[in-house]
Amino acid sequence: MLRKLLLVLMTVFVSFALTALAGYILYASSARQSEARLSTIVNFLASPLIVLLIGWLVGLLSEDRPIPTLIIGLVPWTIMLLSGPNKPASISGWLGWLLPVLVYMPLGAATAEFAWRIRHKTTAKPRSLA
């Protein structure tokens, strides 16, 4: 139980740290780029990459059931993503606003499960044929 708690706390910390790092890298390279281009980079490159890295890390470090651990650990990061000043007014606006979360969570969950299966497949003890 303590291991899972520490893994959730690590997930929260690393997700925010990677977000800050991605923000710094984008800020440092944003001199000649438009706001729309930077937004596209964040939505289609930085955020999915963060979720993939977090999913891989949780999958490698988890003893069992990495998906609930990942989801609980990414809830604060998701709240941060969705807490913007410009809330949508229409249903299509809400769908477009929530769509990244609906894509990122399954992407991270699949990565965590894949990493967990790889780790436990390679560390499993061979069975005797007796």
N, C-alpha and C. Protein backbone atom coordinates (compact mmCIF):
# COMPACT_ATOMS: atom_id res chain seq x y z
N MET A 1 0.82 -1.20 0.00
CA MET A 1 0.00 0.00 0.00
C MET A 1 0.86 1.26 0.00
N LEU A 2 1.92 1.24 0.78
CA LEU A 2 2.83 2.38 0.83
C LEU A 2 3.50 2.57 -0.52
N ARG A 3 3.82 1.47 -1.18
CA ARG A 3 4.44 1.56 -2.51
C ARG A 3 3.51 2.24 -3.50
N LYS A 4 2.23 1.87 -3.46
CA LYS A 4 1.26 2.50 -4.37
C LYS A 4 1.10 3.98 -4.08
N LEU A 5 1.04 4.33 -2.80
CA LEU A 5 0.93 5.73 -2.42
C LEU A 5 2.14 6.53 -2.91
N LEU A 6 3.32 5.98 -2.72
CA LEU A 6 4.53 6.65 -3.20
C LEU A 6 4.55 6.74 -4.72
N LEU A 7 4.05 5.73 -5.39
CA LEU A 7 3.99 5.75 -6.85
C LEU A 7 3.01 6.81 -7.35
N VAL A 8 1.87 6.95 -6.67
CA VAL A 8 0.91 8.00 -7.03
C VAL A 8 1.53 9.38 -6.81
N LEU A 9 2.18 9.57 -5.67
CA LEU A 9 2.82 10.86 -5.39
C LEU A 9 3.94 11.16 -6.40
N MET A 10 4.69 10.13 -6.77
CA MET A 10 5.73 10.31 -7.78
C MET A 10 5.12 10.67 -9.13
N THR A 11 3.99 10.05 -9.47
CA THR A 11 3.31 10.35 -10.72
C THR A 11 2.87 11.81 -10.76
N VAL A 12 2.30 12.28 -9.66
CA VAL A 12 1.87 13.69 -9.58
C VAL A 12 3.08 14.61 -9.75
N PHE A 13 4.14 14.34 -9.01
CA PHE A 13 5.32 15.20 -9.06
C PHE A 13 5.96 15.20 -10.45
N VAL A 14 6.16 14.02 -11.02
CA VAL A 14 6.83 13.93 -12.31
C VAL A 14 5.97 14.54 -13.42
N SER A 15 4.65 14.37 -13.35
CA SER A 15 3.80 14.97 -14.38
C SER A 15 3.89 16.50 -14.36
N PHE A 16 3.90 17.09 -13.17
CA PHE A 16 4.03 18.54 -13.09
C PHE A 16 5.44 18.98 -13.47
N ALA A 17 6.45 18.21 -13.09
CA ALA A 17 7.83 18.56 -13.45
C ALA A 17 8.03 18.50 -14.96
N LEU A 18 7.50 17.47 -15.60
CA LEU A 18 7.62 17.37 -17.06
C LEU A 18 6.83 18.47 -17.76
N THR A 19 5.70 18.86 -17.19
CA THR A 19 4.93 19.96 -17.76
C THR A 19 5.71 21.26 -17.67
N ALA A 20 6.35 21.49 -16.53
CA ALA A 20 7.16 22.70 -16.37
C ALA A 20 8.36 22.68 -17.33
N LEU A 21 8.98 21.52 -17.48
CA LEU A 21 10.10 21.40 -18.41
C LEU A 21 9.66 21.66 -19.85
N ALA A 22 8.53 21.09 -20.23
CA ALA A 22 8.01 21.31 -21.58
C ALA A 22 7.66 22.79 -21.78
N GLY A 23 7.09 23.41 -20.76
CA GLY A 23 6.78 24.84 -20.86
C GLY A 23 8.03 25.68 -21.01
N TYR A 24 9.08 25.33 -20.28
CA TYR A 24 10.33 26.08 -20.39
C TYR A 24 10.94 25.91 -21.78
N ILE A 25 10.95 24.67 -22.28
CA ILE A 25 11.51 24.43 -23.62
C ILE A 25 10.72 25.18 -24.67
N LEU A 26 9.39 25.17 -24.57
CA LEU A 26 8.58 25.90 -25.53
C LEU A 26 8.78 27.41 -25.41
N TYR A 27 8.91 27.90 -24.19
CA TYR A 27 9.16 29.33 -23.99
C TYR A 27 10.51 29.73 -24.58
N ALA A 28 11.52 28.91 -24.36
CA ALA A 28 12.85 29.23 -24.86
C ALA A 28 12.91 29.21 -26.38
N SER A 29 12.07 28.43 -27.01
CA SER A 29 12.09 28.33 -28.47
C SER A 29 10.92 29.05 -29.14
N SER A 30 10.25 29.92 -28.41
CA SER A 30 9.02 30.52 -28.95
C SER A 30 9.22 31.88 -29.59
N ALA A 31 10.43 32.30 -29.81
CA ALA A 31 10.69 33.65 -30.31
C ALA A 31 10.03 33.91 -31.66
N ARG A 32 10.09 32.97 -32.55
CA ARG A 32 9.56 33.19 -33.91
C ARG A 32 8.33 32.35 -34.22
N GLN A 33 7.67 31.83 -33.18
CA GLN A 33 6.52 30.97 -33.43
C GLN A 33 5.24 31.66 -32.96
N SER A 34 4.16 31.37 -33.65
CA SER A 34 2.88 31.96 -33.28
C SER A 34 2.26 31.21 -32.10
N GLU A 35 1.28 31.84 -31.49
CA GLU A 35 0.60 31.21 -30.36
C GLU A 35 -0.16 29.96 -30.80
N ALA A 36 -0.73 30.00 -31.99
CA ALA A 36 -1.46 28.83 -32.50
C ALA A 36 -0.51 27.65 -32.71
N ARG A 37 0.67 27.92 -33.22
CA ARG A 37 1.65 26.84 -33.43
C ARG A 37 2.10 26.26 -32.09
N LEU A 38 2.35 27.11 -31.11
CA LEU A 38 2.74 26.63 -29.79
C LEU A 38 1.63 25.80 -29.15
N SER A 39 0.39 26.23 -29.32
CA SER A 39 -0.74 25.47 -28.79
C SER A 39 -0.83 24.10 -29.44
N THR A 40 -0.58 24.05 -30.73
CA THR A 40 -0.59 22.78 -31.45
C THR A 40 0.52 21.86 -30.95
N ILE A 41 1.69 22.42 -30.70
CA ILE A 41 2.81 21.63 -30.19
C ILE A 41 2.47 21.06 -28.82
N VAL A 42 1.86 21.87 -27.98
CA VAL A 42 1.48 21.40 -26.64
C VAL A 42 0.44 20.29 -26.73
N ASN A 43 -0.60 20.50 -27.55
CA ASN A 43 -1.69 19.54 -27.63
C ASN A 43 -1.32 18.23 -28.31
N PHE A 44 -0.46 18.29 -29.32
CA PHE A 44 -0.19 17.09 -30.10
C PHE A 44 1.19 16.49 -29.90
N LEU A 45 2.07 17.16 -29.16
CA LEU A 45 3.39 16.62 -28.94
C LEU A 45 3.75 16.56 -27.45
N ALA A 46 3.70 17.68 -26.78
CA ALA A 46 4.19 17.74 -25.40
C ALA A 46 3.29 16.93 -24.44
N SER A 47 2.01 17.19 -24.46
CA SER A 47 1.11 16.49 -23.52
C SER A 47 1.05 14.98 -23.76
N PRO A 48 0.91 14.52 -25.00
CA PRO A 48 0.93 13.06 -25.20
C PRO A 48 2.27 12.44 -24.81
N LEU A 49 3.36 13.15 -25.06
CA LEU A 49 4.66 12.63 -24.68
C LEU A 49 4.79 12.52 -23.16
N ILE A 50 4.26 13.50 -22.45
CA ILE A 50 4.27 13.45 -20.98
C ILE A 50 3.47 12.26 -20.49
N VAL A 51 2.30 12.05 -21.05
CA VAL A 51 1.46 10.92 -20.64
C VAL A 51 2.13 9.59 -20.97
N LEU A 52 2.77 9.50 -22.12
CA LEU A 52 3.48 8.26 -22.47
C LEU A 52 4.62 7.98 -21.50
N LEU A 53 5.39 9.00 -21.16
CA LEU A 53 6.50 8.82 -20.23
C LEU A 53 6.00 8.43 -18.83
N ILE A 54 4.95 9.09 -18.37
CA ILE A 54 4.39 8.76 -17.06
C ILE A 54 3.81 7.34 -17.07
N GLY A 55 3.11 6.98 -18.12
CA GLY A 55 2.55 5.63 -18.23
C GLY A 55 3.65 4.57 -18.22
N TRP A 56 4.72 4.83 -18.94
CA TRP A 56 5.84 3.89 -18.98
C TRP A 56 6.47 3.76 -17.60
N LEU A 57 6.66 4.87 -16.93
CA LEU A 57 7.27 4.86 -15.60
C LEU A 57 6.41 4.11 -14.59
N VAL A 58 5.11 4.38 -14.60
CA VAL A 58 4.21 3.69 -13.67
C VAL A 58 4.15 2.20 -14.00
N GLY A 59 4.13 1.86 -15.27
CA GLY A 59 4.10 0.45 -15.65
C GLY A 59 5.34 -0.29 -15.21
N LEU A 60 6.49 0.36 -15.29
CA LEU A 60 7.73 -0.29 -14.88
C LEU A 60 7.85 -0.43 -13.37
N LEU A 61 7.34 0.55 -12.62
CA LEU A 61 7.51 0.53 -11.18
C LEU A 61 6.37 -0.11 -10.41
N SER A 62 5.27 -0.39 -11.07
CA SER A 62 4.10 -0.95 -10.39
C SER A 62 4.25 -2.46 -10.22
N GLU A 63 3.81 -2.93 -9.06
CA GLU A 63 3.82 -4.37 -8.81
C GLU A 63 2.59 -5.05 -9.40
N ASP A 64 1.44 -4.39 -9.30
CA ASP A 64 0.21 -4.92 -9.87
C ASP A 64 -0.74 -3.77 -10.16
N ARG A 65 -1.62 -3.96 -11.09
CA ARG A 65 -2.64 -3.00 -11.49
C ARG A 65 -2.09 -1.58 -11.70
N PRO A 66 -1.36 -1.35 -12.76
CA PRO A 66 -0.79 -0.03 -12.98
C PRO A 66 -1.80 1.01 -13.45
N ILE A 67 -2.89 0.59 -14.05
CA ILE A 67 -3.83 1.55 -14.63
C ILE A 67 -4.53 2.40 -13.57
N PRO A 68 -5.10 1.82 -12.50
CA PRO A 68 -5.70 2.70 -11.48
C PRO A 68 -4.68 3.63 -10.82
N THR A 69 -3.47 3.14 -10.62
CA THR A 69 -2.42 3.98 -10.05
C THR A 69 -2.12 5.16 -10.96
N LEU A 70 -2.03 4.90 -12.26
CA LEU A 70 -1.77 5.96 -13.23
C LEU A 70 -2.90 6.98 -13.25
N ILE A 71 -4.13 6.51 -13.29
CA ILE A 71 -5.27 7.42 -13.38
C ILE A 71 -5.36 8.30 -12.13
N ILE A 72 -5.18 7.71 -10.96
CA ILE A 72 -5.23 8.51 -9.73
C ILE A 72 -4.08 9.52 -9.71
N GLY A 73 -2.91 9.11 -10.18
CA GLY A 73 -1.77 10.01 -10.20
C GLY A 73 -1.90 11.13 -11.21
N LEU A 74 -2.63 10.91 -12.30
CA LEU A 74 -2.79 11.93 -13.33
C LEU A 74 -3.99 12.84 -13.11
N VAL A 75 -4.81 12.57 -12.12
CA VAL A 75 -5.98 13.42 -11.87
C VAL A 75 -5.58 14.88 -11.60
N PRO A 76 -4.59 15.17 -10.75
CA PRO A 76 -4.22 16.59 -10.56
C PRO A 76 -3.71 17.24 -11.83
N TRP A 77 -2.96 16.51 -12.64
CA TRP A 77 -2.45 17.04 -13.90
C TRP A 77 -3.60 17.34 -14.86
N THR A 78 -4.60 16.44 -14.88
CA THR A 78 -5.77 16.63 -15.72
C THR A 78 -6.57 17.85 -15.27
N ILE A 79 -6.73 18.00 -13.98
CA ILE A 79 -7.44 19.18 -13.46
C ILE A 79 -6.71 20.45 -13.87
N MET A 80 -5.38 20.41 -13.81
CA MET A 80 -4.60 21.57 -14.24
C MET A 80 -4.82 21.87 -15.72
N LEU A 81 -4.87 20.83 -16.54
CA LEU A 81 -5.09 21.03 -17.97
C LEU A 81 -6.46 21.66 -18.25
N LEU A 82 -7.45 21.23 -17.47
CA LEU A 82 -8.82 21.69 -17.72
C LEU A 82 -9.17 22.99 -17.00
N SER A 83 -8.30 23.45 -16.12
CA SER A 83 -8.64 24.67 -15.38
C SER A 83 -8.06 25.88 -16.09
N GLY A 84 -8.74 26.30 -17.10
CA GLY A 84 -8.34 27.49 -17.84
C GLY A 84 -9.39 28.57 -17.68
N PRO A 85 -9.04 29.79 -17.99
CA PRO A 85 -10.00 30.88 -17.83
C PRO A 85 -11.12 30.86 -18.85
N ASN A 86 -10.90 30.26 -20.00
CA ASN A 86 -11.89 30.29 -21.09
C ASN A 86 -12.65 28.97 -21.14
N LYS A 87 -13.72 28.89 -20.39
CA LYS A 87 -14.55 27.68 -20.41
C LYS A 87 -15.48 27.76 -21.62
N PRO A 88 -15.70 26.63 -22.29
CA PRO A 88 -16.59 26.63 -23.46
C PRO A 88 -18.05 26.86 -23.06
N ALA A 89 -18.81 27.36 -24.00
CA ALA A 89 -20.22 27.65 -23.75
C ALA A 89 -21.14 26.64 -24.43
N SER A 90 -20.68 26.01 -25.50
CA SER A 90 -21.54 25.08 -26.24
C SER A 90 -21.12 23.64 -25.98
N ILE A 91 -21.98 22.73 -26.39
CA ILE A 91 -21.69 21.30 -26.23
C ILE A 91 -20.48 20.91 -27.07
N SER A 92 -20.41 21.39 -28.30
CA SER A 92 -19.26 21.05 -29.15
C SER A 92 -17.98 21.65 -28.57
N GLY A 93 -18.08 22.81 -27.95
CA GLY A 93 -16.92 23.41 -27.29
C GLY A 93 -16.45 22.56 -26.13
N TRP A 94 -17.40 22.04 -25.34
CA TRP A 94 -17.04 21.17 -24.22
C TRP A 94 -16.40 19.88 -24.72
N LEU A 95 -16.92 19.31 -25.80
CA LEU A 95 -16.34 18.09 -26.35
C LEU A 95 -14.91 18.34 -26.83
N GLY A 96 -14.71 19.44 -27.51
CA GLY A 96 -13.37 19.79 -27.97
C GLY A 96 -12.42 20.08 -26.82
N TRP A 97 -12.96 20.57 -25.72
CA TRP A 97 -12.17 20.90 -24.55
C TRP A 97 -11.79 19.64 -23.77
N LEU A 98 -12.71 18.68 -23.72
CA LEU A 98 -12.46 17.44 -22.98
C LEU A 98 -11.80 16.35 -23.82
N LEU A 99 -11.79 16.51 -25.12
CA LEU A 99 -11.24 15.48 -26.01
C LEU A 99 -9.79 15.11 -25.69
N PRO A 100 -8.90 16.07 -25.43
CA PRO A 100 -7.54 15.65 -25.11
C PRO A 100 -7.47 14.72 -23.90
N VAL A 101 -8.26 14.99 -22.87
CA VAL A 101 -8.24 14.12 -21.69
C VAL A 101 -8.78 12.74 -22.05
N LEU A 102 -9.79 12.70 -22.89
CA LEU A 102 -10.36 11.42 -23.29
C LEU A 102 -9.42 10.62 -24.18
N VAL A 103 -8.41 11.27 -24.74
CA VAL A 103 -7.40 10.58 -25.53
C VAL A 103 -6.17 10.28 -24.68
N TYR A 104 -5.76 11.22 -23.84
CA TYR A 104 -4.53 11.06 -23.05
C TYR A 104 -4.64 9.94 -22.03
N MET A 105 -5.76 9.85 -21.34
CA MET A 105 -5.89 8.82 -20.29
C MET A 105 -5.80 7.40 -20.85
N PRO A 106 -6.55 7.05 -21.90
CA PRO A 106 -6.38 5.69 -22.45
C PRO A 106 -4.98 5.46 -23.03
N LEU A 107 -4.37 6.50 -23.59
CA LEU A 107 -3.02 6.37 -24.11
C LEU A 107 -2.04 6.05 -22.98
N GLY A 108 -2.14 6.77 -21.88
CA GLY A 108 -1.29 6.49 -20.73
C GLY A 108 -1.57 5.14 -20.12
N ALA A 109 -2.85 4.78 -20.04
CA ALA A 109 -3.23 3.48 -19.46
C ALA A 109 -2.69 2.33 -20.31
N ALA A 110 -2.79 2.45 -21.62
CA ALA A 110 -2.27 1.40 -22.50
C ALA A 110 -0.76 1.30 -22.38
N THR A 111 -0.09 2.42 -22.26
CA THR A 111 1.37 2.41 -22.11
C THR A 111 1.77 1.78 -20.78
N ALA A 112 1.05 2.14 -19.71
CA ALA A 112 1.35 1.56 -18.40
C ALA A 112 1.14 0.05 -18.41
N GLU A 113 0.06 -0.39 -19.00
CA GLU A 113 -0.22 -1.83 -19.06
C GLU A 113 0.83 -2.55 -19.90
N PHE A 114 1.22 -1.95 -21.02
CA PHE A 114 2.23 -2.54 -21.89
C PHE A 114 3.57 -2.65 -21.17
N ALA A 115 3.99 -1.59 -20.49
CA ALA A 115 5.26 -1.61 -19.76
C ALA A 115 5.20 -2.62 -18.61
N TRP A 116 4.05 -2.70 -17.94
CA TRP A 116 3.89 -3.64 -16.84
C TRP A 116 4.00 -5.07 -17.34
N ARG A 117 3.35 -5.35 -18.46
CA ARG A 117 3.40 -6.71 -19.02
C ARG A 117 4.81 -7.07 -19.48
N ILE A 118 5.50 -6.13 -20.08
CA ILE A 118 6.88 -6.40 -20.51
C ILE A 118 7.76 -6.68 -19.30
N ARG A 119 7.63 -5.87 -18.27
CA ARG A 119 8.46 -6.05 -17.08
C ARG A 119 8.18 -7.39 -16.40
N HIS A 120 6.93 -7.74 -16.28
CA HIS A 120 6.61 -8.99 -15.60
C HIS A 120 6.82 -10.21 -16.48
N LYS A 121 6.83 -10.05 -17.77
CA LYS A 121 7.13 -11.16 -18.66
C LYS A 121 8.61 -11.48 -18.60
N THR A 122 9.44 -10.46 -18.55
CA THR A 122 10.90 -10.70 -18.54
C THR A 122 11.42 -11.07 -17.17
N THR A 123 10.70 -10.72 -16.11
CA THR A 123 11.17 -11.05 -14.76
C THR A 123 10.49 -12.29 -14.18
N ALA A 124 9.58 -12.89 -14.94
CA ALA A 124 8.88 -14.07 -14.44
C ALA A 124 9.84 -15.26 -14.39
N LYS A 125 9.67 -16.07 -13.36
CA LYS A 125 10.52 -17.25 -13.22
C LYS A 125 10.03 -18.34 -14.16
N PRO A 126 10.96 -19.03 -14.79
CA PRO A 126 10.53 -20.12 -15.70
C PRO A 126 9.92 -21.27 -14.89
N ARG A 127 8.88 -21.85 -15.44
CA ARG A 127 8.22 -22.99 -14.79
C ARG A 127 8.88 -24.28 -15.24
N SER A 128 8.92 -25.21 -14.33
CA SER A 128 9.49 -26.51 -14.68
C SER A 128 8.45 -27.35 -15.39
N LEU A 129 8.91 -28.23 -16.23
CA LEU A 129 8.01 -29.07 -17.01
C LEU A 129 7.76 -30.42 -16.34
N ALA A 130 8.04 -30.54 -15.08
CA ALA A 130 7.90 -31.80 -14.36
C ALA A 130 6.49 -32.21 -14.14
